[in-house]
Amino acid sequence: MSSSDSPVGKGTLPKAIRGREGQLEPFEWYAEMRRDSPVHFNEERRRWDLFRYEEIDRILGDHETFTSDRGVLADDPARASTRAGRYYRR
């Protein structure tokens, strides 16, 4: 099965885990993302990826700061990245 035959669909998953092998064994990639980039904007997919509980809990609990209603997170990754950076320092 090639990545274009993925049951999940092309473009739905990050490129690193889009193929069959990546879908079957994504654990190393997830560990790397949790360690190196817990809040990550994927340019290709134009989506934010969150990899740690702390970030997910913070974002889900703060609708005023983290919303797509104003288009900040969806349409302006640079501004949103700066805003997220205030909360998530490594």
N, C-alpha and C. Protein backbone atom coordinates (compact mmCIF):
# COMPACT_ATOMS: atom_id res chain seq x y z
N MET A 1 0.85 -1.17 0.00
CA MET A 1 0.00 0.00 0.00
C MET A 1 0.89 1.24 0.00
N SER A 2 0.72 2.11 -0.94
CA SER A 2 1.49 3.34 -0.98
C SER A 2 0.80 4.40 -0.14
N SER A 3 1.52 5.53 0.09
CA SER A 3 0.91 6.57 0.91
C SER A 3 -0.33 7.15 0.25
N SER A 4 -0.38 7.12 -1.09
CA SER A 4 -1.58 7.63 -1.76
C SER A 4 -2.76 6.70 -1.59
N ASP A 5 -2.50 5.42 -1.20
CA ASP A 5 -3.57 4.47 -0.95
C ASP A 5 -4.01 4.45 0.51
N SER A 6 -3.48 5.37 1.28
CA SER A 6 -3.76 5.39 2.71
C SER A 6 -5.26 5.46 2.97
N PRO A 7 -5.75 4.63 3.88
CA PRO A 7 -7.17 4.71 4.22
C PRO A 7 -7.54 6.02 4.90
N VAL A 8 -6.56 6.71 5.45
CA VAL A 8 -6.82 7.96 6.15
C VAL A 8 -6.98 9.09 5.15
N GLY A 9 -6.29 9.01 4.04
CA GLY A 9 -6.40 10.04 3.02
C GLY A 9 -5.19 10.93 2.96
N LYS A 10 -4.73 11.22 1.75
CA LYS A 10 -3.57 12.06 1.55
C LYS A 10 -3.83 13.47 2.08
N GLY A 11 -2.86 14.00 2.78
CA GLY A 11 -2.97 15.34 3.30
C GLY A 11 -3.59 15.42 4.68
N THR A 12 -4.19 14.35 5.14
CA THR A 12 -4.80 14.35 6.45
C THR A 12 -3.74 14.23 7.53
N LEU A 13 -2.77 13.39 7.32
CA LEU A 13 -1.71 13.16 8.29
C LEU A 13 -0.46 13.94 7.92
N PRO A 14 0.38 14.27 8.90
CA PRO A 14 1.68 14.86 8.58
C PRO A 14 2.48 13.91 7.68
N LYS A 15 3.29 14.48 6.83
CA LYS A 15 4.05 13.71 5.85
C LYS A 15 4.86 12.57 6.48
N ALA A 16 5.43 12.81 7.65
CA ALA A 16 6.29 11.82 8.30
C ALA A 16 5.57 10.52 8.64
N ILE A 17 4.27 10.57 8.82
CA ILE A 17 3.53 9.36 9.18
C ILE A 17 2.40 9.06 8.18
N ARG A 18 2.53 9.57 6.98
CA ARG A 18 1.48 9.40 5.99
C ARG A 18 1.48 8.01 5.36
N GLY A 19 2.63 7.42 5.17
CA GLY A 19 2.71 6.11 4.53
C GLY A 19 2.33 4.98 5.46
N ARG A 20 2.25 3.80 4.91
CA ARG A 20 1.83 2.63 5.69
C ARG A 20 2.75 2.40 6.89
N GLU A 21 4.06 2.43 6.67
CA GLU A 21 5.00 2.20 7.78
C GLU A 21 4.84 3.26 8.86
N GLY A 22 4.68 4.52 8.46
CA GLY A 22 4.50 5.59 9.43
C GLY A 22 3.22 5.44 10.22
N GLN A 23 2.18 4.95 9.58
CA GLN A 23 0.91 4.76 10.27
C GLN A 23 0.97 3.57 11.24
N LEU A 24 1.76 2.55 10.88
CA LEU A 24 1.87 1.38 11.75
C LEU A 24 2.83 1.61 12.92
N GLU A 25 3.85 2.44 12.71
CA GLU A 25 4.87 2.69 13.73
C GLU A 25 5.15 4.19 13.88
N PRO A 26 4.20 4.97 14.35
CA PRO A 26 4.41 6.42 14.46
C PRO A 26 5.08 6.86 15.76
N PHE A 27 5.39 5.90 16.63
CA PHE A 27 5.77 6.21 18.00
C PHE A 27 7.06 7.02 18.11
N GLU A 28 8.05 6.72 17.31
CA GLU A 28 9.30 7.48 17.35
C GLU A 28 9.07 8.93 16.92
N TRP A 29 8.25 9.11 15.88
CA TRP A 29 7.94 10.46 15.41
C TRP A 29 7.18 11.25 16.48
N TYR A 30 6.19 10.63 17.12
CA TYR A 30 5.44 11.31 18.18
C TYR A 30 6.37 11.69 19.35
N ALA A 31 7.26 10.80 19.73
CA ALA A 31 8.20 11.10 20.81
C ALA A 31 9.09 12.28 20.44
N GLU A 32 9.57 12.30 19.20
CA GLU A 32 10.40 13.41 18.72
C GLU A 32 9.63 14.73 18.75
N MET A 33 8.39 14.71 18.31
CA MET A 33 7.58 15.92 18.29
C MET A 33 7.27 16.39 19.72
N ARG A 34 6.96 15.48 20.62
CA ARG A 34 6.72 15.87 22.02
C ARG A 34 7.96 16.53 22.62
N ARG A 35 9.12 16.00 22.28
CA ARG A 35 10.38 16.50 22.83
C ARG A 35 10.80 17.83 22.17
N ASP A 36 10.74 17.89 20.83
CA ASP A 36 11.34 19.02 20.10
C ASP A 36 10.35 20.10 19.65
N SER A 37 9.10 19.76 19.49
CA SER A 37 8.15 20.73 18.94
C SER A 37 6.73 20.43 19.42
N PRO A 38 6.49 20.59 20.73
CA PRO A 38 5.19 20.20 21.27
C PRO A 38 4.00 21.00 20.73
N VAL A 39 4.24 22.23 20.30
CA VAL A 39 3.22 23.04 19.63
C VAL A 39 3.80 23.38 18.27
N HIS A 40 3.23 22.80 17.23
CA HIS A 40 3.86 22.87 15.91
C HIS A 40 2.83 23.23 14.84
N PHE A 41 3.16 24.24 14.01
CA PHE A 41 2.30 24.57 12.87
C PHE A 41 2.84 23.85 11.65
N ASN A 42 2.03 23.00 11.04
CA ASN A 42 2.42 22.25 9.85
C ASN A 42 2.03 23.08 8.63
N GLU A 43 3.03 23.62 7.93
CA GLU A 43 2.80 24.49 6.78
C GLU A 43 2.04 23.78 5.66
N GLU A 44 2.43 22.56 5.37
CA GLU A 44 1.81 21.81 4.27
C GLU A 44 0.31 21.63 4.51
N ARG A 45 -0.06 21.28 5.72
CA ARG A 45 -1.46 21.01 6.05
C ARG A 45 -2.19 22.23 6.58
N ARG A 46 -1.43 23.30 6.91
CA ARG A 46 -1.98 24.51 7.51
C ARG A 46 -2.81 24.16 8.76
N ARG A 47 -2.19 23.37 9.62
CA ARG A 47 -2.84 22.91 10.85
C ARG A 47 -1.85 23.00 12.01
N TRP A 48 -2.40 23.23 13.19
CA TRP A 48 -1.61 23.17 14.41
C TRP A 48 -1.65 21.74 14.94
N ASP A 49 -0.50 21.24 15.33
CA ASP A 49 -0.38 19.92 15.94
C ASP A 49 0.09 20.12 17.38
N LEU A 50 -0.56 19.47 18.31
CA LEU A 50 -0.21 19.54 19.72
C LEU A 50 0.15 18.14 20.19
N PHE A 51 1.24 18.02 20.94
CA PHE A 51 1.76 16.69 21.26
C PHE A 51 1.87 16.37 22.74
N ARG A 52 1.60 17.33 23.60
CA ARG A 52 1.70 17.05 25.03
C ARG A 52 0.40 17.45 25.73
N TYR A 53 0.09 16.72 26.77
CA TYR A 53 -1.13 16.97 27.53
C TYR A 53 -1.20 18.41 28.03
N GLU A 54 -0.10 18.93 28.53
CA GLU A 54 -0.10 20.27 29.12
C GLU A 54 -0.58 21.31 28.12
N GLU A 55 -0.08 21.24 26.88
CA GLU A 55 -0.48 22.21 25.86
C GLU A 55 -1.94 22.02 25.45
N ILE A 56 -2.34 20.78 25.29
CA ILE A 56 -3.72 20.50 24.91
C ILE A 56 -4.67 20.99 25.99
N ASP A 57 -4.37 20.70 27.25
CA ASP A 57 -5.21 21.13 28.36
C ASP A 57 -5.29 22.65 28.41
N ARG A 58 -4.17 23.33 28.25
CA ARG A 58 -4.14 24.80 28.28
C ARG A 58 -5.00 25.39 27.17
N ILE A 59 -4.86 24.88 25.97
CA ILE A 59 -5.58 25.42 24.82
C ILE A 59 -7.08 25.14 24.93
N LEU A 60 -7.44 23.94 25.33
CA LEU A 60 -8.85 23.61 25.45
C LEU A 60 -9.54 24.40 26.57
N GLY A 61 -8.76 24.83 27.55
CA GLY A 61 -9.34 25.56 28.66
C GLY A 61 -9.33 27.07 28.51
N ASP A 62 -8.74 27.59 27.43
CA ASP A 62 -8.63 29.04 27.25
C ASP A 62 -9.18 29.44 25.89
N HIS A 63 -10.50 29.55 25.82
CA HIS A 63 -11.17 29.85 24.54
C HIS A 63 -10.93 31.29 24.09
N GLU A 64 -10.65 32.18 25.01
CA GLU A 64 -10.42 33.57 24.66
C GLU A 64 -9.12 33.75 23.88
N THR A 65 -8.06 33.08 24.34
CA THR A 65 -6.76 33.21 23.68
C THR A 65 -6.67 32.33 22.44
N PHE A 66 -7.12 31.10 22.56
CA PHE A 66 -6.95 30.13 21.48
C PHE A 66 -8.29 29.87 20.80
N THR A 67 -8.55 30.62 19.75
CA THR A 67 -9.80 30.48 19.02
C THR A 67 -9.55 30.64 17.54
N SER A 68 -10.38 30.03 16.74
CA SER A 68 -10.32 30.27 15.30
C SER A 68 -11.47 31.18 14.88
N ASP A 69 -12.30 31.59 15.84
CA ASP A 69 -13.41 32.49 15.52
C ASP A 69 -12.93 33.79 14.89
N ARG A 70 -11.83 34.29 15.38
CA ARG A 70 -11.27 35.53 14.83
C ARG A 70 -10.27 35.23 13.71
N GLY A 71 -10.03 33.97 13.45
CA GLY A 71 -9.10 33.61 12.39
C GLY A 71 -7.65 33.69 12.79
N VAL A 72 -7.35 33.97 14.04
CA VAL A 72 -5.96 34.16 14.47
C VAL A 72 -5.17 32.87 14.32
N LEU A 73 -5.64 31.78 14.87
CA LEU A 73 -4.88 30.54 14.78
C LEU A 73 -4.94 29.93 13.39
N ALA A 74 -6.06 30.07 12.72
CA ALA A 74 -6.20 29.44 11.41
C ALA A 74 -5.53 30.24 10.31
N ASP A 75 -5.60 31.57 10.38
CA ASP A 75 -5.15 32.37 9.25
C ASP A 75 -3.84 33.09 9.44
N ASP A 76 -3.32 33.15 10.64
CA ASP A 76 -2.10 33.92 10.89
C ASP A 76 -1.15 33.14 11.78
N PRO A 77 -0.47 32.13 11.21
CA PRO A 77 0.40 31.28 12.02
C PRO A 77 1.50 32.04 12.75
N ALA A 78 2.04 33.08 12.15
CA ALA A 78 3.12 33.82 12.80
C ALA A 78 2.61 34.50 14.07
N ARG A 79 1.46 35.14 13.99
CA ARG A 79 0.88 35.81 15.16
C ARG A 79 0.50 34.79 16.23
N ALA A 80 -0.12 33.71 15.80
CA ALA A 80 -0.52 32.68 16.75
C ALA A 80 0.69 32.02 17.39
N SER A 81 1.75 31.83 16.62
CA SER A 81 2.96 31.22 17.15
C SER A 81 3.56 32.10 18.23
N THR A 82 3.57 33.41 18.00
CA THR A 82 4.07 34.34 19.00
C THR A 82 3.21 34.27 20.25
N ARG A 83 1.90 34.24 20.08
CA ARG A 83 0.98 34.16 21.20
C ARG A 83 1.19 32.86 21.96
N ALA A 84 1.27 31.74 21.26
CA ALA A 84 1.48 30.44 21.91
C ALA A 84 2.83 30.40 22.62
N GLY A 85 3.84 31.04 22.03
CA GLY A 85 5.18 31.07 22.62
C GLY A 85 5.24 31.70 23.98
N ARG A 86 4.32 32.64 24.26
CA ARG A 86 4.29 33.27 25.58
C ARG A 86 3.93 32.25 26.65
N TYR A 87 3.17 31.24 26.28
CA TYR A 87 2.70 30.25 27.24
C TYR A 87 3.58 29.01 27.30
N TYR A 88 4.31 28.74 26.24
CA TYR A 88 5.05 27.48 26.16
C TYR A 88 6.53 27.74 25.89
N ARG A 89 7.25 27.93 26.94
CA ARG A 89 8.71 28.09 26.86
C ARG A 89 9.34 26.76 27.23
N ARG A 90 10.34 26.36 26.45
CA ARG A 90 11.04 25.10 26.76
C ARG A 90 12.06 25.31 27.82
